[in-house]
N, C-alpha and C. Protein backbone atom coordinates (compact mmCIF):
# COMPACT_ATOMS: atom_id res chain seq x y z
N MET A 1 55.32 93.87 167.08
CA MET A 1 54.61 92.58 167.65
C MET A 1 53.11 92.80 167.42
N GLN A 2 52.52 91.78 166.91
CA GLN A 2 51.13 91.61 166.75
C GLN A 2 50.25 91.66 168.04
N ASP A 3 49.19 92.58 167.99
CA ASP A 3 48.25 92.62 169.40
C ASP A 3 47.53 91.30 169.58
N ILE A 4 47.13 91.04 170.91
CA ILE A 4 46.13 90.09 170.98
C ILE A 4 44.92 90.52 170.30
N SER A 5 44.52 89.43 169.92
CA SER A 5 42.90 89.65 169.13
C SER A 5 41.74 89.91 169.98
N LEU A 6 40.64 90.74 169.65
CA LEU A 6 39.54 90.75 170.38
C LEU A 6 38.81 89.54 170.88
N ILE A 7 38.72 88.62 169.77
CA ILE A 7 38.17 87.25 170.37
C ILE A 7 38.72 86.61 171.44
N LYS A 8 40.15 86.75 171.59
CA LYS A 8 41.02 86.05 172.54
C LYS A 8 40.73 86.84 173.87
N LYS A 9 40.86 88.14 173.52
CA LYS A 9 40.46 89.00 174.98
C LYS A 9 39.07 88.72 175.61
N ASN A 10 38.13 88.45 174.65
CA ASN A 10 36.75 88.20 175.23
C ASN A 10 36.81 86.67 175.71
N ILE A 11 37.39 85.67 175.30
CA ILE A 11 37.58 84.40 175.72
C ILE A 11 38.12 84.50 177.31
N LEU A 12 39.00 85.25 177.28
CA LEU A 12 39.79 85.59 178.57
C LEU A 12 38.86 86.15 179.54
N LYS A 13 38.09 87.03 178.99
CA LYS A 13 37.22 87.76 179.98
C LYS A 13 36.03 86.52 180.31
N TYR A 14 35.71 85.84 179.50
CA TYR A 14 34.52 84.81 179.72
C TYR A 14 35.03 84.11 180.91
N ILE A 15 36.26 83.27 180.59
CA ILE A 15 36.58 82.22 181.64
C ILE A 15 37.12 82.98 182.92
N ASP A 16 37.48 84.08 183.04
CA ASP A 16 37.78 84.94 184.11
C ASP A 16 36.40 84.94 184.99
N PHE A 17 35.43 85.46 184.15
CA PHE A 17 34.05 85.64 184.57
C PHE A 17 33.40 84.21 185.19
N LYS A 18 33.65 83.24 184.62
CA LYS A 18 33.25 81.93 185.09
C LYS A 18 34.13 81.42 185.98
N GLY A 19 35.24 81.85 186.18
CA GLY A 19 36.09 81.07 187.21
C GLY A 19 36.79 79.79 186.60
N ILE A 20 36.86 79.73 185.27
CA ILE A 20 37.57 78.59 184.70
C ILE A 20 38.95 78.94 184.56
N SER A 21 39.78 77.82 184.89
CA SER A 21 41.25 77.94 184.91
C SER A 21 41.67 77.57 183.22
N LYS A 22 42.68 78.21 182.91
CA LYS A 22 43.28 77.99 181.46
C LYS A 22 43.27 76.24 181.41
N TYR A 23 43.99 75.69 182.34
CA TYR A 23 44.14 74.25 182.30
C TYR A 23 42.74 73.39 182.03
N LYS A 24 41.82 73.99 182.99
CA LYS A 24 40.50 73.27 182.62
C LYS A 24 39.98 73.52 181.39
N PHE A 25 40.09 75.15 180.80
CA PHE A 25 39.81 75.41 179.58
C PHE A 25 40.26 74.55 178.41
N TYR A 26 41.62 74.32 178.31
CA TYR A 26 42.25 73.58 177.51
C TYR A 26 41.73 72.20 177.38
N GLN A 27 41.49 71.53 178.54
CA GLN A 27 40.78 70.44 178.74
C GLN A 27 39.56 70.16 178.00
N GLU A 28 38.79 71.11 178.19
CA GLU A 28 37.17 71.10 177.95
C GLU A 28 37.17 71.28 176.36
N THR A 29 37.96 72.22 175.90
CA THR A 29 37.81 72.63 174.63
C THR A 29 38.83 71.61 173.65
N GLY A 30 39.77 71.36 174.15
CA GLY A 30 40.94 70.58 173.23
C GLY A 30 41.83 71.36 172.43
N ILE A 31 41.80 72.65 172.74
CA ILE A 31 42.51 73.75 172.17
C ILE A 31 43.85 73.40 172.81
N THR A 32 44.97 73.50 172.05
CA THR A 32 46.22 73.30 172.54
C THR A 32 46.68 74.36 173.64
N ARG A 33 47.31 73.63 174.44
CA ARG A 33 47.91 74.70 175.58
C ARG A 33 48.81 75.84 175.15
N GLY A 34 48.74 76.93 175.85
CA GLY A 34 49.33 78.07 175.59
C GLY A 34 49.02 79.19 174.57
N VAL A 35 47.93 78.56 173.82
CA VAL A 35 47.29 79.52 172.73
C VAL A 35 46.85 80.84 173.39
N LEU A 36 46.07 80.81 174.55
CA LEU A 36 45.73 82.07 175.27
C LEU A 36 46.78 83.07 175.61
N ASP A 37 48.02 82.46 175.84
CA ASP A 37 49.17 83.23 176.39
C ASP A 37 49.98 83.85 175.23
N GLN A 38 49.40 83.59 173.88
CA GLN A 38 50.24 83.93 172.74
C GLN A 38 49.58 85.54 172.41
N ASN A 39 50.54 86.29 171.84
CA ASN A 39 50.18 87.54 171.56
C ASN A 39 49.77 87.61 169.70
N ASN A 40 48.70 86.97 169.67
CA ASN A 40 48.34 86.86 168.19
C ASN A 40 46.66 86.56 168.19
N GLY A 41 46.32 86.44 166.93
CA GLY A 41 44.80 86.04 166.80
C GLY A 41 44.49 84.64 167.23
N MET A 42 43.19 84.31 167.29
CA MET A 42 42.57 83.09 167.48
C MET A 42 42.13 82.55 166.07
N SER A 43 42.60 81.33 165.81
CA SER A 43 42.23 80.46 164.45
C SER A 43 40.64 80.16 164.61
N GLU A 44 40.27 80.05 163.32
CA GLU A 44 38.75 79.75 163.03
C GLU A 44 38.53 78.48 163.90
N GLU A 45 39.43 77.37 163.58
CA GLU A 45 39.00 76.08 164.36
C GLU A 45 39.13 76.14 165.86
N ASN A 46 39.93 76.97 166.43
CA ASN A 46 39.74 77.21 167.92
C ASN A 46 38.64 77.79 168.41
N THR A 47 38.28 79.17 167.60
CA THR A 47 37.06 79.80 168.00
C THR A 47 35.61 78.87 167.84
N THR A 48 35.74 77.96 166.89
CA THR A 48 34.65 77.14 166.63
C THR A 48 34.60 75.97 167.86
N ARG A 49 35.85 75.62 168.32
CA ARG A 49 35.77 74.77 169.51
C ARG A 49 35.25 75.40 170.60
N PHE A 50 35.70 76.53 170.96
CA PHE A 50 35.31 77.54 172.04
C PHE A 50 33.52 77.66 171.93
N ILE A 51 33.11 78.10 170.74
CA ILE A 51 31.65 78.28 170.74
C ILE A 51 30.97 76.99 170.87
N ALA A 52 31.49 75.71 170.26
CA ALA A 52 30.88 74.40 170.66
C ALA A 52 30.85 73.92 172.22
N CYS A 53 32.08 74.48 172.78
CA CYS A 53 32.11 73.97 174.18
C CYS A 53 31.22 74.99 175.14
N TYR A 54 31.14 76.22 174.86
CA TYR A 54 30.44 76.97 175.72
C TYR A 54 29.31 77.79 174.79
N PRO A 55 28.30 77.12 174.60
CA PRO A 55 27.15 77.64 173.82
C PRO A 55 26.60 78.77 174.25
N GLU A 56 26.56 79.00 175.77
CA GLU A 56 25.91 80.18 176.45
C GLU A 56 26.34 81.40 176.15
N VAL A 57 27.57 81.32 175.50
CA VAL A 57 28.41 82.85 175.25
C VAL A 57 27.81 83.23 173.82
N SER A 58 27.50 84.32 173.71
CA SER A 58 27.01 85.25 172.58
C SER A 58 27.90 85.39 171.68
N VAL A 59 27.51 84.87 170.46
CA VAL A 59 28.45 85.03 169.35
C VAL A 59 28.85 86.21 169.05
N GLU A 60 27.83 87.02 169.02
CA GLU A 60 27.93 88.65 168.55
C GLU A 60 29.04 89.28 169.44
N TRP A 61 28.99 88.88 170.64
CA TRP A 61 29.79 89.40 171.93
C TRP A 61 31.21 89.14 171.58
N LEU A 62 31.34 87.78 171.25
CA LEU A 62 32.59 87.13 171.14
C LEU A 62 33.35 87.70 170.01
N LEU A 63 32.56 88.09 168.94
CA LEU A 63 33.39 88.32 167.84
C LEU A 63 33.49 89.95 167.81
N THR A 64 32.52 90.54 168.27
CA THR A 64 32.47 92.00 168.19
C THR A 64 32.71 92.72 169.33
N GLY A 65 32.32 92.11 170.61
CA GLY A 65 32.30 92.70 171.76
C GLY A 65 30.91 93.59 172.05
N ILE A 66 30.21 93.38 171.16
CA ILE A 66 28.85 94.35 171.25
C ILE A 66 27.91 93.33 171.96
N GLY A 67 26.90 93.93 172.90
CA GLY A 67 25.85 93.17 173.55
C GLY A 67 26.51 92.50 174.46
N GLN A 68 25.63 91.66 175.32
CA GLN A 68 25.62 90.87 176.45
C GLN A 68 26.65 89.54 176.31
N MET A 69 27.42 89.43 177.32
CA MET A 69 28.35 88.10 177.15
C MET A 69 27.65 86.92 176.92
N LEU A 70 26.56 86.81 177.68
CA LEU A 70 25.77 85.47 177.64
C LEU A 70 24.53 85.79 176.94
N LYS A 71 24.07 84.52 176.24
CA LYS A 71 22.75 84.65 175.84
C LYS A 71 21.84 84.57 176.70
N GLN A 72 20.42 85.08 176.52
CA GLN A 72 19.29 84.71 177.49
C GLN A 72 18.82 83.51 177.36
N ASN A 73 18.50 82.97 178.55
CA ASN A 73 18.18 81.53 178.86
C ASN A 73 17.25 81.11 177.86
N THR A 74 17.53 79.87 177.18
CA THR A 74 16.53 79.43 176.23
C THR A 74 16.14 78.04 176.61
N HIS A 75 14.89 77.90 176.80
CA HIS A 75 14.66 76.20 177.30
C HIS A 75 13.57 75.67 176.16
N LYS A 76 13.25 74.61 176.34
CA LYS A 76 12.38 73.73 175.51
C LYS A 76 10.85 74.30 176.22
N ILE A 77 10.23 74.70 175.03
CA ILE A 77 8.62 75.12 175.35
C ILE A 77 7.48 74.37 174.80
N LEU A 78 6.76 73.88 175.78
CA LEU A 78 5.72 73.06 175.47
C LEU A 78 4.34 73.87 175.21
N THR A 79 3.98 73.53 173.75
CA THR A 79 2.74 74.57 173.50
C THR A 79 1.63 73.70 173.23
N LEU A 80 0.59 73.95 173.96
CA LEU A 80 -0.72 73.05 173.92
C LEU A 80 -1.63 73.63 173.02
N THR A 81 -1.89 72.81 171.80
CA THR A 81 -2.83 73.40 170.79
C THR A 81 -4.30 72.57 171.05
N PRO A 82 -5.41 73.33 170.99
CA PRO A 82 -6.40 72.44 171.30
C PRO A 82 -6.92 71.60 169.74
N ILE A 83 -7.50 70.52 169.87
CA ILE A 83 -8.11 69.70 168.57
C ILE A 83 -9.52 69.58 168.96
N GLU A 84 -10.30 69.23 167.91
CA GLU A 84 -11.58 69.06 167.93
C GLU A 84 -12.02 68.13 169.10
N SER A 85 -12.82 68.58 170.11
CA SER A 85 -13.09 67.80 171.31
C SER A 85 -13.85 66.57 171.11
N GLY A 86 -14.45 66.22 169.91
CA GLY A 86 -15.13 65.00 169.75
C GLY A 86 -14.43 63.62 169.47
N ASP A 87 -13.08 64.12 169.08
CA ASP A 87 -12.31 62.79 168.65
C ASP A 87 -11.46 62.34 169.78
N LEU A 88 -11.96 61.29 170.44
CA LEU A 88 -11.17 60.84 171.77
C LEU A 88 -10.99 59.34 171.53
N GLN A 89 -11.30 58.73 170.44
CA GLN A 89 -11.06 57.40 170.05
C GLN A 89 -9.56 56.77 170.14
N ASN A 90 -9.04 57.50 169.32
CA ASN A 90 -7.59 57.33 169.36
C ASN A 90 -6.74 57.92 170.42
N LYS A 91 -5.87 57.07 171.05
CA LYS A 91 -4.94 57.61 172.30
C LYS A 91 -4.06 58.90 171.64
N ASP A 92 -3.71 58.49 170.43
CA ASP A 92 -2.70 59.60 169.93
C ASP A 92 -3.30 60.93 169.55
N ASN A 93 -4.59 61.02 169.72
CA ASN A 93 -5.17 62.19 169.42
C ASN A 93 -5.95 62.54 170.78
N GLU A 94 -5.25 63.34 171.37
CA GLU A 94 -5.76 63.81 172.81
C GLU A 94 -6.38 65.23 172.64
N ASN A 95 -7.07 65.83 173.61
CA ASN A 95 -7.84 66.95 173.55
C ASN A 95 -6.78 68.19 173.29
N PHE A 96 -5.45 67.90 173.44
CA PHE A 96 -4.45 68.75 173.25
C PHE A 96 -3.22 68.13 172.47
N HIS A 97 -2.80 68.98 171.74
CA HIS A 97 -1.67 68.34 170.84
C HIS A 97 -0.31 68.93 171.31
N ILE A 98 0.65 68.44 171.76
CA ILE A 98 1.86 68.74 172.21
C ILE A 98 2.74 69.19 171.01
N SER A 99 3.02 70.28 170.92
CA SER A 99 4.03 70.61 169.77
C SER A 99 5.15 71.24 170.47
N LYS A 100 6.30 70.67 170.42
CA LYS A 100 7.70 71.10 170.92
C LYS A 100 8.49 72.00 170.16
N THR A 101 8.74 73.10 170.76
CA THR A 101 9.58 74.07 170.10
C THR A 101 10.96 74.28 170.87
N ASN A 102 12.08 74.12 170.11
CA ASN A 102 13.26 73.98 170.86
C ASN A 102 14.21 75.00 170.24
N SER A 103 15.09 75.53 170.74
CA SER A 103 16.02 76.77 170.22
C SER A 103 17.11 76.03 169.72
N SER A 104 17.24 74.96 169.78
CA SER A 104 18.49 74.16 168.98
C SER A 104 18.70 74.73 167.58
N ASP A 105 17.74 74.78 166.92
CA ASP A 105 17.54 75.15 165.36
C ASP A 105 17.98 76.61 165.18
N SER A 106 17.59 77.51 166.23
CA SER A 106 18.14 78.87 166.17
C SER A 106 19.49 79.02 166.52
N ASP A 107 19.91 77.96 167.44
CA ASP A 107 21.43 78.09 167.93
C ASP A 107 22.27 77.59 166.56
N VAL A 108 21.75 76.75 165.77
CA VAL A 108 22.58 76.18 164.61
C VAL A 108 22.50 77.22 163.67
N SER A 109 21.47 77.83 163.36
CA SER A 109 21.56 78.99 162.63
C SER A 109 22.42 80.06 162.92
N ASP A 110 22.22 80.52 164.16
CA ASP A 110 23.24 81.66 164.70
C ASP A 110 24.65 81.27 164.61
N PHE A 111 24.96 79.93 164.99
CA PHE A 111 26.25 79.41 164.84
C PHE A 111 26.90 79.38 163.53
N ALA A 112 26.05 79.12 162.36
CA ALA A 112 26.52 79.13 161.05
C ALA A 112 26.64 80.59 160.61
N LYS A 113 25.72 81.61 161.15
CA LYS A 113 26.05 82.87 160.74
C LYS A 113 27.22 83.36 161.22
N ALA A 114 27.44 82.95 162.64
CA ALA A 114 28.82 83.43 163.30
C ALA A 114 30.10 82.83 162.64
N ILE A 115 29.92 81.50 162.08
CA ILE A 115 31.14 81.24 161.60
C ILE A 115 31.26 81.93 160.18
N ASP A 116 30.26 82.19 159.46
CA ASP A 116 30.37 83.00 158.29
C ASP A 116 30.99 84.32 158.57
N ARG A 117 30.36 84.97 159.81
CA ARG A 117 30.82 86.22 160.11
C ARG A 117 32.61 86.28 160.43
N MET A 118 32.81 84.97 161.07
CA MET A 118 34.05 84.99 161.79
C MET A 118 35.21 84.77 160.33
N ALA A 119 34.69 84.10 159.45
CA ALA A 119 35.33 83.78 158.15
C ALA A 119 35.72 85.24 157.43
N GLU A 120 34.56 86.12 157.58
CA GLU A 120 34.71 87.35 156.91
C GLU A 120 35.86 88.24 157.86
N ILE A 121 35.77 88.10 159.13
CA ILE A 121 36.54 88.76 159.99
C ILE A 121 38.00 88.38 159.61
N ILE A 122 38.12 87.10 159.62
CA ILE A 122 39.63 86.51 159.46
C ILE A 122 40.01 86.81 158.13
N LYS A 123 39.27 86.99 157.19
CA LYS A 123 39.68 87.36 155.61
C LYS A 123 39.94 88.91 155.62
N THR A 124 39.33 89.69 156.37
CA THR A 124 39.56 91.12 156.40
C THR A 124 40.81 91.18 157.50
N ASN A 125 40.96 90.50 158.25
CA ASN A 125 42.47 90.54 159.13
C ASN A 125 43.45 90.19 158.16
N ALA A 126 43.11 89.18 157.35
CA ALA A 126 44.37 88.57 156.31
C ALA A 126 44.71 89.68 155.58
N GLU A 127 43.72 90.46 154.89
CA GLU A 127 43.97 91.52 153.96
C GLU A 127 44.60 92.66 154.58
N ILE A 128 44.20 92.92 155.83
CA ILE A 128 44.95 94.01 156.60
C ILE A 128 46.31 93.77 156.77
N GLU A 129 46.68 92.46 157.26
CA GLU A 129 47.95 92.08 157.48
C GLU A 129 48.81 92.15 156.06
N LYS A 130 48.05 91.87 155.06
CA LYS A 130 48.87 92.10 153.76
C LYS A 130 49.23 93.35 153.42
N GLU A 131 48.22 94.22 153.60
CA GLU A 131 48.39 95.68 153.49
C GLU A 131 49.59 96.34 154.44
N LYS A 132 49.55 95.74 155.59
CA LYS A 132 50.53 96.19 156.77
C LYS A 132 51.95 95.65 155.99
N LYS A 133 52.05 94.44 155.64
CA LYS A 133 53.33 94.04 154.95
C LYS A 133 53.81 95.06 153.93
N GLU A 134 52.66 95.44 152.82
CA GLU A 134 53.20 96.04 151.83
C GLU A 134 53.56 97.62 152.14
N ILE A 135 52.93 98.03 153.25
CA ILE A 135 53.41 99.29 153.91
C ILE A 135 54.46 99.09 154.39
N GLU A 136 55.01 98.09 155.27
CA GLU A 136 56.23 97.99 155.83
C GLU A 136 57.39 97.78 154.86
N LYS A 137 57.03 97.29 153.70
CA LYS A 137 58.02 97.01 152.60
C LYS A 137 58.08 98.40 152.01
N ILE A 138 57.08 98.95 151.89
CA ILE A 138 57.34 100.53 151.08
C ILE A 138 58.20 101.30 152.18
N ASN A 139 57.96 101.28 153.49
CA ASN A 139 58.67 101.98 154.32
C ASN A 139 60.16 101.66 154.40
N ALA A 140 60.35 100.49 154.27
CA ALA A 140 61.71 99.89 154.43
C ALA A 140 62.54 100.33 153.18
N LEU A 141 61.88 100.48 151.99
CA LEU A 141 62.45 100.89 150.66
C LEU A 141 62.60 102.45 150.68
N ALA A 142 61.89 103.00 151.56
CA ALA A 142 61.70 104.66 151.59
C ALA A 142 63.04 104.78 152.64
N HIS A 143 63.11 103.92 153.69
CA HIS A 143 64.25 104.29 154.63
C HIS A 143 65.47 104.16 154.00
N ALA A 144 65.65 103.04 153.18
CA ALA A 144 66.86 102.67 152.67
C ALA A 144 67.25 103.78 151.53
N GLU A 145 66.28 104.34 150.86
CA GLU A 145 66.43 105.47 149.85
C GLU A 145 66.88 106.56 150.57
N SER A 146 66.37 106.96 151.85
CA SER A 146 66.62 108.10 152.70
C SER A 146 68.12 108.01 153.15
N ILE A 147 68.40 106.53 153.66
CA ILE A 147 69.76 106.50 154.10
C ILE A 147 70.93 106.78 152.79
N ARG A 148 70.49 106.38 151.63
CA ARG A 148 71.28 106.45 150.48
C ARG A 148 71.33 107.94 150.05
N LEU A 149 70.28 108.73 149.97
CA LEU A 149 70.41 110.14 149.87
C LEU A 149 71.23 110.68 150.78
N ASN A 150 70.92 110.49 152.08
CA ASN A 150 71.81 111.21 153.03
C ASN A 150 73.21 110.91 153.08
N ALA A 151 73.69 109.82 152.63
CA ALA A 151 74.98 109.50 152.20
C ALA A 151 75.68 110.29 151.25
N GLU A 152 74.79 110.43 150.10
CA GLU A 152 75.09 111.28 148.84
C GLU A 152 75.37 112.65 149.46
N ILE A 153 74.28 113.16 150.27
CA ILE A 153 74.35 114.47 150.67
C ILE A 153 75.67 114.74 151.42
N GLU A 154 76.40 113.84 152.48
CA GLU A 154 77.40 113.83 153.18
C GLU A 154 78.46 114.01 152.27
N LYS A 155 78.47 113.11 151.30
CA LYS A 155 79.73 113.02 150.39
C LYS A 155 79.62 114.27 149.67
N ALA A 156 78.68 115.10 149.18
CA ALA A 156 78.55 116.24 148.44
C ALA A 156 79.08 117.42 149.44
N LYS A 157 78.86 117.20 150.73
CA LYS A 157 79.48 118.19 151.87
C LYS A 157 80.80 118.09 151.79
N VAL A 158 81.32 116.83 152.00
CA VAL A 158 82.85 116.79 152.03
C VAL A 158 83.48 117.20 150.92
N GLU A 159 82.87 116.94 149.63
CA GLU A 159 83.59 117.48 148.44
C GLU A 159 83.64 118.90 148.42
N VAL A 160 82.36 119.60 148.76
CA VAL A 160 82.38 121.15 148.96
C VAL A 160 83.52 121.59 149.84
N GLU A 161 83.59 121.04 151.07
CA GLU A 161 84.73 121.45 152.09
C GLU A 161 86.06 121.29 151.55
N ARG A 162 86.16 120.18 150.47
CA ARG A 162 87.45 120.08 149.92
C ARG A 162 87.89 121.09 149.03
N VAL A 163 86.82 121.56 148.02
CA VAL A 163 86.82 122.62 147.30
C VAL A 163 87.43 123.88 147.77
N LYS A 164 86.57 124.06 148.83
CA LYS A 164 86.75 125.46 149.62
C LYS A 164 88.11 125.35 149.99
N ALA A 165 88.64 124.14 150.81
CA ALA A 165 89.97 124.17 151.28
C ALA A 165 91.00 124.51 150.19
N GLU A 166 90.76 123.74 148.92
CA GLU A 166 91.61 124.21 147.79
C GLU A 166 91.71 125.53 147.33
N ALA A 167 90.24 126.31 147.35
CA ALA A 167 90.28 127.71 147.00
C ALA A 167 90.75 128.44 148.06
N GLU A 168 90.98 128.14 149.35
CA GLU A 168 91.56 128.91 150.26
C GLU A 168 93.00 128.83 150.27
N LYS A 169 93.54 127.59 149.94
CA LYS A 169 94.99 127.33 149.70
C LYS A 169 95.43 128.10 148.78
N THR A 170 94.68 128.11 147.38
CA THR A 170 95.16 128.99 146.23
C THR A 170 95.13 130.37 146.49
N ASN A 171 94.14 131.03 147.08
CA ASN A 171 94.08 132.37 147.52
C ASN A 171 95.14 132.61 148.39
N ALA A 172 95.50 131.90 149.24
CA ALA A 172 96.80 131.94 150.35
C ALA A 172 97.96 132.32 149.69
N GLU A 173 98.15 131.33 148.52
CA GLU A 173 99.28 131.33 147.71
C GLU A 173 99.40 132.67 146.81
N ALA A 174 98.15 133.03 146.35
CA ALA A 174 98.23 134.24 145.29
C ALA A 174 98.39 135.27 146.16
N ASN A 175 97.75 135.22 147.31
CA ASN A 175 98.21 136.61 148.26
C ASN A 175 99.76 136.72 148.61
N LYS A 176 100.31 135.38 148.99
CA LYS A 176 101.78 135.45 149.24
C LYS A 176 102.72 135.93 148.22
N MET A 177 102.16 135.32 146.84
CA MET A 177 103.00 135.87 145.65
C MET A 177 102.93 137.33 145.53
N ASN A 178 101.75 137.98 145.48
CA ASN A 178 101.39 139.43 145.45
C ASN A 178 102.11 140.02 146.38
N ALA A 179 102.25 139.71 147.76
CA ALA A 179 103.09 140.24 148.71
C ALA A 179 104.63 140.34 148.42
N GLU A 180 105.11 139.17 147.72
CA GLU A 180 106.50 139.14 147.39
C GLU A 180 106.76 140.20 146.42
N VAL A 181 105.77 140.08 145.21
CA VAL A 181 105.96 141.03 144.03
C VAL A 181 106.08 142.46 144.69
N ASN A 182 105.11 142.85 145.50
CA ASN A 182 104.94 144.14 145.95
C ASN A 182 106.24 144.32 146.82
N ASP A 183 106.65 143.28 147.47
CA ASP A 183 107.97 143.48 148.44
C ASP A 183 109.06 143.99 147.36
N ARG A 184 109.33 143.15 146.23
CA ARG A 184 110.39 143.43 145.25
C ARG A 184 110.41 144.65 144.86
N ASN A 185 109.00 144.93 144.18
CA ASN A 185 108.84 146.39 143.81
C ASN A 185 109.20 147.26 144.45
N SER A 186 108.76 147.25 145.77
CA SER A 186 109.19 148.37 146.75
C SER A 186 110.73 148.40 146.78
N LYS A 187 111.17 147.29 147.18
CA LYS A 187 112.64 147.40 147.38
C LYS A 187 113.40 148.11 146.02
N SER A 188 113.00 147.49 144.73
CA SER A 188 113.59 148.20 143.66
C SER A 188 113.39 149.67 143.59
N MET A 189 112.42 149.96 143.95
CA MET A 189 112.07 151.59 144.02
C MET A 189 112.95 152.25 144.72
N GLU A 190 112.96 151.56 146.29
CA GLU A 190 113.85 152.26 147.08
C GLU A 190 115.44 152.49 146.61
N ILE A 191 115.83 151.41 145.80
CA ILE A 191 116.91 151.18 145.40
C ILE A 191 117.31 152.44 144.27
N MET A 192 116.26 152.37 143.32
CA MET A 192 116.26 153.29 142.27
C MET A 192 116.51 154.91 142.91
N ILE A 193 115.38 154.98 143.94
CA ILE A 193 115.55 156.52 144.63
C ILE A 193 116.68 156.80 145.31
N SER A 194 117.25 155.80 145.87
CA SER A 194 118.55 156.16 146.57
C SER A 194 119.74 156.40 145.45
N SER A 195 119.77 155.66 144.20
CA SER A 195 120.62 155.78 143.53
C SER A 195 120.50 157.28 142.67
N LEU A 196 119.25 157.70 142.60
CA LEU A 196 119.08 158.98 142.00
C LEU A 196 119.60 160.01 142.67
N LEU A 197 119.19 159.83 144.18
CA LEU A 197 119.52 161.00 145.08
C LEU A 197 120.95 161.00 145.43
N GLY A 198 121.73 159.89 145.17
CA GLY A 198 123.00 159.64 145.37
C GLY A 198 123.78 160.48 144.15
N SER A 199 123.49 160.35 143.01
CA SER A 199 124.29 161.10 141.69
C SER A 199 123.44 162.45 141.79
N GLY A 200 122.47 162.97 142.30
CA GLY A 200 122.16 164.32 142.01
C GLY A 200 121.16 164.35 140.86
N LYS A 201 121.00 163.54 139.90
CA LYS A 201 120.45 163.51 138.82
C LYS A 201 119.15 162.94 138.54
N THR A 202 118.31 163.36 138.06
CA THR A 202 117.09 162.89 137.61
C THR A 202 117.22 161.71 136.70
N PRO A 203 116.18 160.78 136.77
CA PRO A 203 116.36 159.57 135.93
C PRO A 203 116.52 159.76 134.55
N HIS A 204 116.08 161.05 134.33
CA HIS A 204 115.96 161.40 132.64
C HIS A 204 117.37 161.85 132.24
N GLU A 205 117.97 162.75 133.32
CA GLU A 205 119.52 163.13 133.12
C GLU A 205 120.39 162.07 133.04
N LYS A 206 120.15 160.93 134.20
CA LYS A 206 120.96 160.04 134.23
C LYS A 206 120.85 159.03 132.90
N LYS A 207 119.69 158.91 132.27
CA LYS A 207 119.53 158.20 130.93
C LYS A 207 120.22 158.79 129.94
N ARG A 208 120.13 160.07 129.83
CA ARG A 208 120.68 160.81 128.94
C ARG A 208 122.48 160.89 129.08
N THR A 209 122.91 160.80 130.10
CA THR A 209 124.43 160.83 130.61
C THR A 209 124.77 159.44 130.06
N THR A 210 123.92 158.50 130.38
CA THR A 210 124.47 157.18 130.05
C THR A 210 124.55 156.78 128.35
N SER A 211 123.58 157.70 127.98
CA SER A 211 123.57 157.46 126.25
C SER A 211 124.71 158.16 125.60
N GLU A 212 125.16 159.39 126.21
CA GLU A 212 126.25 159.96 125.73
C GLU A 212 127.50 159.38 125.94
N ASN A 213 127.88 158.58 127.15
CA ASN A 213 128.81 157.97 127.38
C ASN A 213 129.21 156.79 126.73
N SER A 214 128.12 156.35 126.22
CA SER A 214 128.40 154.91 125.45
C SER A 214 128.78 154.98 124.12
N PRO A 215 129.74 154.15 123.70
CA PRO A 215 130.62 154.38 122.31
C PRO A 215 129.65 154.42 121.20
């Protein structure tokens, strides 16, 4: 699940600091209800709406969390500039020329820079999300390959166990056959010895007698 963005966290901090309810926030900014409760980022359009509605918020703080939450108070400044004292004929030419300096131009410039910076952040976040999806895709493929290899390993283990069982069975049958052969040989030897002992002749003598008696 995607984490809530820094911009949204800072907006929540601001409205909590100012005691602004979410209902009032949505009414004042025109942002769709429920946006602040979603665990995702803040769109460029909604961020622009917030900055336009609450210009006292420092854009740098909103985007990065650096610096103060609120801008320093800016007011219209009246500057009195002396003019030549002899020229008093025209009412428009007073002893002092009033030049008005307004912070609005600076605010517009800061706002434009903030939008550019926000666009860069959004682009960077989009690239990060793309990289995350690629990594997730690679991880999914690696996981699938791991499952396949584990299945092959388990299959090989089963085959090894089968071969071992066959070998043990073959060995058991061979041992049984050897035992039977040994048993038969032992019995044949006993019979032969018993026969020789009964006739009182050695096997050589018995063989010789048998040859002599044969036609």
